[in-house]
Amino acid sequence: MTEAAAPQEQATPLFNIEKLYVKDLSLEVPGAPAIFLKRENPKIDLQLQTKAGAVEEGVYEVEVMVTVTAELAEKDQVMFLIEAKQAGIFQVRNMPPQEMETVLAVVCPNILYPYLREVVSDLAVRGGFAPVLLNPINFDAIYQQQKQQAQAQQEAAAVKH
């Protein structure tokens, strides 16, 4: 009876957070100290990326990276630049490839992003600026959009041949 139960246990999907950490963090204030005398509100530009890769079999590192640039309207002067990378090591086993892809592209970034938001806001404050409040991100919508774009590109390539 235990022999029959063992294969069933192996097939049970497993998801576990092993470690969450800040992988990279930087703040640049190119116009300091004069920039602190400016009273206008900066325009905030946000660039976001995610990345996932295998560390070993069934163990993956997922990263959510953000670049926040605060610019003043006057001469496109950069007030500050924050680059942050929040990462996590996740154990993901016994899942079909499609489900695994969704976990790495949606579930893991959803876990990491609140930590990244806190790190960015805290770093801006420690740099002498107002907190940067990043809006919530719908990683599922981003993932679906990327899948649709990839499918459209494949279909366009198939039509050309």
Foldseek 3Di string as FASTA:
>chain_A
DVVVVVVVVQLDKDKDWDDKDWPDKDKDAPPPPVLVVDDDFWDKDKDWDKDKDAPDVQKMKIKIWMWIWTFDPPVRHTRMIMITIIMTIMGTDNDPPVVVVCCRQAVRCLVGVVVVQVVQQVVCVVVVHHGDHDDDDRSVVVVVVVVVVVVVVVVVVVVVD
